[in-house]
C-alpha atoms as a PDB file:
ATOM      1  CA  MET A   1      71.885-121.427  19.586  1.00  0.00           C
ATOM      2  CA  ARG A   2      68.862-121.598  17.304  1.00  0.00           C
ATOM      3  CA  ILE A   3      66.036-124.043  17.868  1.00  0.00           C
ATOM      4  CA  ASP A   4      64.448-124.824  14.501  1.00  0.00           C
ATOM      5  CA  ARG A   5      60.951-126.102  13.748  1.00  0.00           C
ATOM      6  CA  CYS A   6      60.125-129.400  12.087  1.00  0.00           C
ATOM      7  CA  PHE A   7      58.729-128.852   8.594  1.00  0.00           C
ATOM      8  CA  PHE A   8      56.062-131.529   9.061  1.00  0.00           C
ATOM      9  CA  CYS A   9      54.893-131.485  12.692  1.00  0.00           C
ATOM     10  CA  SER A  10      56.164-128.035  13.805  1.00  0.00           C
ATOM     11  CA  GLY A  11      57.962-129.570  16.786  1.00  0.00           C
ATOM     12  CA  PRO A  12      61.233-128.125  18.086  1.00  0.00           C
ATOM     13  CA  ILE A  13      64.565-129.345  16.663  1.00  0.00           C
ATOM     14  CA  HIS A  14      67.561-128.680  18.887  1.00  0.00           C
ATOM     15  CA  PRO A  15      71.067-128.280  17.415  1.00  0.00           C
ATOM     16  CA  GLY A  16      72.633-131.598  16.404  1.00  0.00           C
ATOM     17  CA  ARG A  17      69.260-133.355  16.240  1.00  0.00           C
ATOM     18  CA  GLY A  18      66.852-134.209  13.453  1.00  0.00           C
ATOM     19  CA  ILE A  19      67.122-134.935   9.742  1.00  0.00           C
ATOM     20  CA  LEU A  20      67.892-132.434   6.997  1.00  0.00           C
ATOM     21  CA  PHE A  21      66.496-133.181   3.543  1.00  0.00           C
ATOM     22  CA  ILE A  22      67.642-130.989   0.648  1.00  0.00           C
ATOM     23  CA  ARG A  23      65.578-131.177  -2.514  1.00  0.00           C
ATOM     24  CA  ASN A  24      67.047-130.747  -6.039  1.00  0.00           C
ATOM     25  CA  ASP A  25      65.957-127.105  -6.120  1.00  0.00           C
ATOM     26  CA  CYS A  26      68.045-126.461  -2.948  1.00  0.00           C
ATOM     27  CA  LYS A  27      64.996-126.137  -0.689  1.00  0.00           C
ATOM     28  CA  GLN A  28      65.821-127.386   2.814  1.00  0.00           C
ATOM     29  CA  PHE A  29      63.389-129.408   4.928  1.00  0.00           C
ATOM     30  CA  LYS A  30      64.211-130.119   8.568  1.00  0.00           C
ATOM     31  CA  PHE A  31      62.495-132.971  10.387  1.00  0.00           C
ATOM     32  CA  CYS A  32      62.554-133.787  14.086  1.00  0.00           C
ATOM     33  CA  ALA A  33      62.213-137.555  13.656  1.00  0.00           C
ATOM     34  CA  LYS A  34      62.116-140.347  11.116  1.00  0.00           C
ATOM     35  CA  LYS A  35      58.335-140.432  11.563  1.00  0.00           C
ATOM     36  CA  CYS A  36      57.998-136.900  10.154  1.00  0.00           C
ATOM     37  CA  ASN A  37      60.478-137.583   7.352  1.00  0.00           C
ATOM     38  CA  ALA A  38      58.623-140.737   6.260  1.00  0.00           C
ATOM     39  CA  ALA A  39      55.251-138.974   6.361  1.00  0.00           C
ATOM     40  CA  PHE A  40      56.657-136.150   4.234  1.00  0.00           C
ATOM     41  CA  LYS A  41      58.082-138.584   1.678  1.00  0.00           C
ATOM     42  CA  LYS A  42      54.707-140.359   1.516  1.00  0.00           C
ATOM     43  CA  LYS A  43      53.250-136.948   0.583  1.00  0.00           C
ATOM     44  CA  ARG A  44      50.946-136.800   3.580  1.00  0.00           C
ATOM     45  CA  ASN A  45      49.236-133.546   4.403  1.00  0.00           C
ATOM     46  CA  PRO A  46      50.217-132.317   7.925  1.00  0.00           C
ATOM     47  CA  ARG A  47      46.743-130.777   8.344  1.00  0.00           C
ATOM     48  CA  LYS A  48      45.154-134.213   8.014  1.00  0.00           C
ATOM     49  CA  VAL A  49      47.610-136.134  10.220  1.00  0.00           C
ATOM     50  CA  ARG A  50      46.138-136.043  13.731  1.00  0.00           C
ATOM     51  CA  TRP A  51      49.361-135.796  15.775  1.00  0.00           C
ATOM     52  CA  THR A  52      50.737-132.654  14.090  1.00  0.00           C
ATOM     53  CA  LYS A  53      50.416-129.170  15.519  1.00  0.00           C
ATOM     54  CA  THR A  54      48.833-127.851  12.335  1.00  0.00           C
ATOM     55  CA  HIS A  55      46.011-130.390  12.672  1.00  0.00           C
ATOM     56  CA  ARG A  56      45.466-129.524  16.340  1.00  0.00           C
ATOM     57  CA  LYS A  57      45.433-125.793  15.623  1.00  0.00           C
ATOM     58  CA  GLY A  58      43.140-126.237  12.634  1.00  0.00           C
ATOM     59  CA  ARG A  59      40.620-128.204  14.714  1.00  0.00           C
ATOM     60  CA  GLY A  60      40.680-125.720  17.610  1.00  0.00           C
ATOM     61  CA  LYS A  61      42.524-128.024  20.018  1.00  0.00           C
ATOM     62  CA  GLU A  62      45.415-125.595  20.526  1.00  0.00           C
ATOM     63  CA  LEU A  63      45.699-121.847  20.690  1.00  0.00           C
ATOM     64  CA  ALA A  64      46.161-120.667  17.094  1.00  0.00           C
ATOM     65  CA  ILE A  65      45.794-116.883  17.087  1.00  0.00           C
ATOM     66  CA  ASP A  66      47.742-115.014  19.717  1.00  0.00           C
ATOM     67  CA  PRO A  67      49.951-111.903  19.583  1.00  0.00           C
ATOM     68  CA  CYS A  68      52.614-113.766  21.591  1.00  0.00           C
ATOM     69  CA  PHE A  69      53.407-115.899  18.547  1.00  0.00           C
ATOM     70  CA  GLU A  70      54.684-112.769  16.838  1.00  0.00           C
ATOM     71  CA  PHE A  71      57.681-112.747  19.203  1.00  0.00           C
ATOM     72  CA  GLU A  72      58.698-116.262  18.115  1.00  0.00           C
ATOM     73  CA  ARG A  73      58.994-115.294  14.472  1.00  0.00           C
ATOM     74  CA  ARG A  74      62.437-115.674  12.978  1.00  0.00           C
ATOM     75  CA  ARG A  75      64.191-112.405  12.211  1.00  0.00           C
ATOM     76  CA  ASP A  76      67.269-112.365  10.027  1.00  0.00           C
ATOM     77  CA  VAL A  77      68.157-108.715  10.595  1.00  0.00           C
ATOM     78  CA  PRO A  78      71.560-108.462  12.322  1.00  0.00           C
ATOM     79  CA  VAL A  79      71.614-106.268  15.426  1.00  0.00           C
ATOM     80  CA  LYS A  80      74.720-104.787  16.966  1.00  0.00           C
ATOM     81  CA  TYR A  81      75.408-106.318  20.379  1.00  0.00           C
ATOM     82  CA  SER A  82      74.730-104.207  23.443  1.00  0.00           C
ATOM     83  CA  ARG A  83      74.476-105.513  26.969  1.00  0.00           C
ATOM     84  CA  GLU A  84      71.375-103.459  27.837  1.00  0.00           C
ATOM     85  CA  LEU A  85      69.507-104.669  24.755  1.00  0.00           C
ATOM     86  CA  TRP A  86      70.441-108.273  25.572  1.00  0.00           C
ATOM     87  CA  GLN A  87      69.211-107.982  29.167  1.00  0.00           C
ATOM     88  CA  GLU A  88      65.999-106.275  28.081  1.00  0.00           C
ATOM     89  CA  THR A  89      65.392-109.005  25.498  1.00  0.00           C
ATOM     90  CA  VAL A  90      65.832-111.769  28.075  1.00  0.00           C
ATOM     91  CA  LYS A  91      63.405-110.054  30.483  1.00  0.00           C
ATOM     92  CA  THR A  92      60.875-109.616  27.689  1.00  0.00           C
ATOM     93  CA  MET A  93      61.229-113.261  26.663  1.00  0.00           C
ATOM     94  CA  MET A  94      60.462-114.397  30.209  1.00  0.00           C
ATOM     95  CA  ALA A  95      57.429-112.090  30.431  1.00  0.00           C
ATOM     96  CA  VAL A  96      56.110-113.256  27.054  1.00  0.00           C
ATOM     97  CA  GLU A  97      56.532-116.905  28.068  1.00  0.00           C
ATOM     98  CA  GLU A  98      54.589-116.292  31.275  1.00  0.00           C
ATOM     99  CA  ILE A  99      51.762-114.534  29.394  1.00  0.00           C
ATOM    100  CA  LYS A 100      51.702-117.295  26.795  1.00  0.00           C
ATOM    101  CA  SER A 101      51.457-120.060  29.403  1.00  0.00           C
ATOM    102  CA  LYS A 102      48.567-118.254  31.164  1.00  0.00           C
ATOM    103  CA  ARG A 103      46.684-117.853  27.880  1.00  0.00           C
ATOM    104  CA  GLN A 104      47.217-121.492  26.934  1.00  0.00           C
ATOM    105  CA  LYS A 105      45.993-122.611  30.352  1.00  0.00           C
ATOM    106  CA  GLN A 106      42.869-120.458  30.042  1.00  0.00           C
ATOM    107  CA  PHE A 107      42.274-121.778  26.528  1.00  0.00           C
ATOM    108  CA  ALA A 108      42.414-125.367  27.827  1.00  0.00           C
ATOM    109  CA  ILE A 109      40.004-124.547  30.672  1.00  0.00           C
ATOM    110  CA  ASN A 110      37.545-122.958  28.217  1.00  0.00           C
ATOM    111  CA  ARG A 111      37.722-126.037  25.963  1.00  0.00           C
ATOM    112  CA  VAL A 112      36.969-128.363  28.886  1.00  0.00           C
ATOM    113  CA  GLU A 113      34.023-126.244  30.037  1.00  0.00           C
ATOM    114  CA  LYS A 114      32.516-126.216  26.548  1.00  0.00           C
ATOM    115  CA  CYS A 115      32.987-129.972  26.263  1.00  0.00           C
ATOM    116  CA  ARG A 116      31.461-130.609  29.696  1.00  0.00           C
ATOM    117  CA  GLY A 117      28.186-128.967  28.695  1.00  0.00           C
ATOM    118  CA  LEU A 118      27.961-131.116  25.572  1.00  0.00           C
ATOM    119  CA  THR A 119      28.774-134.258  27.559  1.00  0.00           C
ATOM    120  CA  LEU A 120      26.047-133.551  30.116  1.00  0.00           C
ATOM    121  CA  ALA A 121      23.483-133.017  27.369  1.00  0.00           C
ATOM    122  CA  ASN A 122      24.508-136.287  25.688  1.00  0.00           C
ATOM    123  CA  ASP A 123      24.336-138.155  29.014  1.00  0.00           C
ATOM    124  CA  LYS A 124      20.802-136.915  29.648  1.00  0.00           C
ATOM    125  CA  VAL A 125      19.708-138.066  26.194  1.00  0.00           C
ATOM    126  CA  ASP A 126      21.332-141.496  26.726  1.00  0.00           C
ATOM    127  CA  ILE A 127      19.551-141.955  30.059  1.00  0.00           C
ATOM    128  CA  LYS A 128      16.203-141.013  28.521  1.00  0.00           C
ATOM    129  CA  LYS A 129      16.729-143.439  25.626  1.00  0.00           C
ATOM    130  CA  GLY A 130      17.914-146.329  27.796  1.00  0.00           C
ATOM    131  CA  ILE A 131      15.512-146.004  30.734  1.00  0.00           C
ATOM    132  CA  HIS A 132      13.825-149.258  29.728  1.00  0.00           C
ATOM    133  CA  LEU A 133      17.103-151.120  30.291  1.00  0.00           C
ATOM    134  CA  LEU A 134      16.984-150.448  34.013  1.00  0.00           C
ATOM    135  CA  GLU A 135      15.015-153.169  35.701  1.00  0.00           C
ATOM    136  CA  LEU A 136      12.664-152.506  38.552  1.00  0.00           C
ATOM    137  CA  LYS A 137      13.444-154.759  41.477  1.00  0.00           C
ATOM    138  CA  GLU A 138      10.528-154.251  43.831  1.00  0.00           C
ATOM    139  CA  LYS A 139      12.039-156.366  46.573  1.00  0.00           C
ATOM    140  CA  LYS A 140      15.084-154.117  47.022  1.00  0.00           C
ATOM    141  CA  GLN A 141      13.651-150.779  45.900  1.00  0.00           C
ATOM    142  CA  LYS A 142      10.372-149.291  46.991  1.00  0.00           C
ATOM    143  CA  LYS A 143      10.382-146.495  44.385  1.00  0.00           C
ATOM    144  CA  PRO A 144      10.306-147.170  40.654  1.00  0.00           C
ATOM    145  CA  VAL A 145      13.557-146.461  38.771  1.00  0.00           C
ATOM    146  CA  VAL A 146      12.012-143.596  36.786  1.00  0.00           C
ATOM    147  CA  GLN A 147      11.071-141.803  39.981  1.00  0.00           C
ATOM    148  CA  ILE A 148      14.571-142.298  41.435  1.00  0.00           C
ATOM    149  CA  LEU A 149      16.174-140.836  38.296  1.00  0.00           C
ATOM    150  CA  GLU A 150      13.904-137.798  38.399  1.00  0.00           C
ATOM    151  CA  ASP A 151      14.884-137.126  42.017  1.00  0.00           C
ATOM    152  CA  VAL A 152      18.641-137.232  41.289  1.00  0.00           C
ATOM    153  CA  ASP A 153      20.172-134.508  39.134  1.00  0.00           C
ATOM    154  CA  ILE A 154      22.610-135.506  36.366  1.00  0.00           C
ATOM    155  CA  GLU A 155      25.194-132.930  37.520  1.00  0.00           C
ATOM    156  CA  ASP A 156      25.262-134.579  40.963  1.00  0.00           C
ATOM    157  CA  LEU A 157      25.934-137.940  39.347  1.00  0.00           C
ATOM    158  CA  VAL A 158      28.814-136.472  37.349  1.00  0.00           C
ATOM    159  CA  GLU A 159      30.323-134.870  40.470  1.00  0.00           C
ATOM    160  CA  MET A 160      30.059-138.152  42.393  1.00  0.00           C
ATOM    161  CA  GLU A 161      31.682-139.966  39.484  1.00  0.00           C
ATOM    162  CA  GLU A 162      34.606-137.491  39.404  1.00  0.00           C
ATOM    163  CA  ASN A 163      35.233-137.832  43.173  1.00  0.00           C
END
C-alpha cells in the first residue's frame, strides 16, 4: 500500500481517495481534496497559499531540513523479498518516526520560546506607550499607577495571565 502526496498541499493521499488529474502531456497530478484541485486549476502558487505545507516550511513554521525526510523519499528500485530485510525495515521505520516526532516537538518548543521573547518586548513597549490611559484613582489606590507598574515585573503578569 502506497500513500501518495498531494501535488498542491503535500498532504497524504490514501489508496482509493483523492482526485487524479492527467494533463495532455501525460503528467499526473494527484490531489487530496477538491480544494487543492480548484486552487491548482486557478493557477495558485502553493508557496503563497497559507494552509499548504510548502508555505509553512518556507516561513519557518514547520521543520524543513532534517535527515529523517530522506527516509520518506520514494524509491522505485525493486528489492528481492527477504523476511530479515522486511523486519529490519519495519524496526528502522519505527525508530525514524520516533526521532522525527522528538525533533518536531523540539522545533515547536524553540519557536514558542523565540516568540515569547518578542511578545514580552512588545508588551513592555505597549505599556510604556499607553501609561497615560490608566487613570489614577486616589480614593482606592494610595500609590500612583506608574509606581505600581514599576514594582510589578512584566514576566510575573504574563505568568499570572497564563495560570
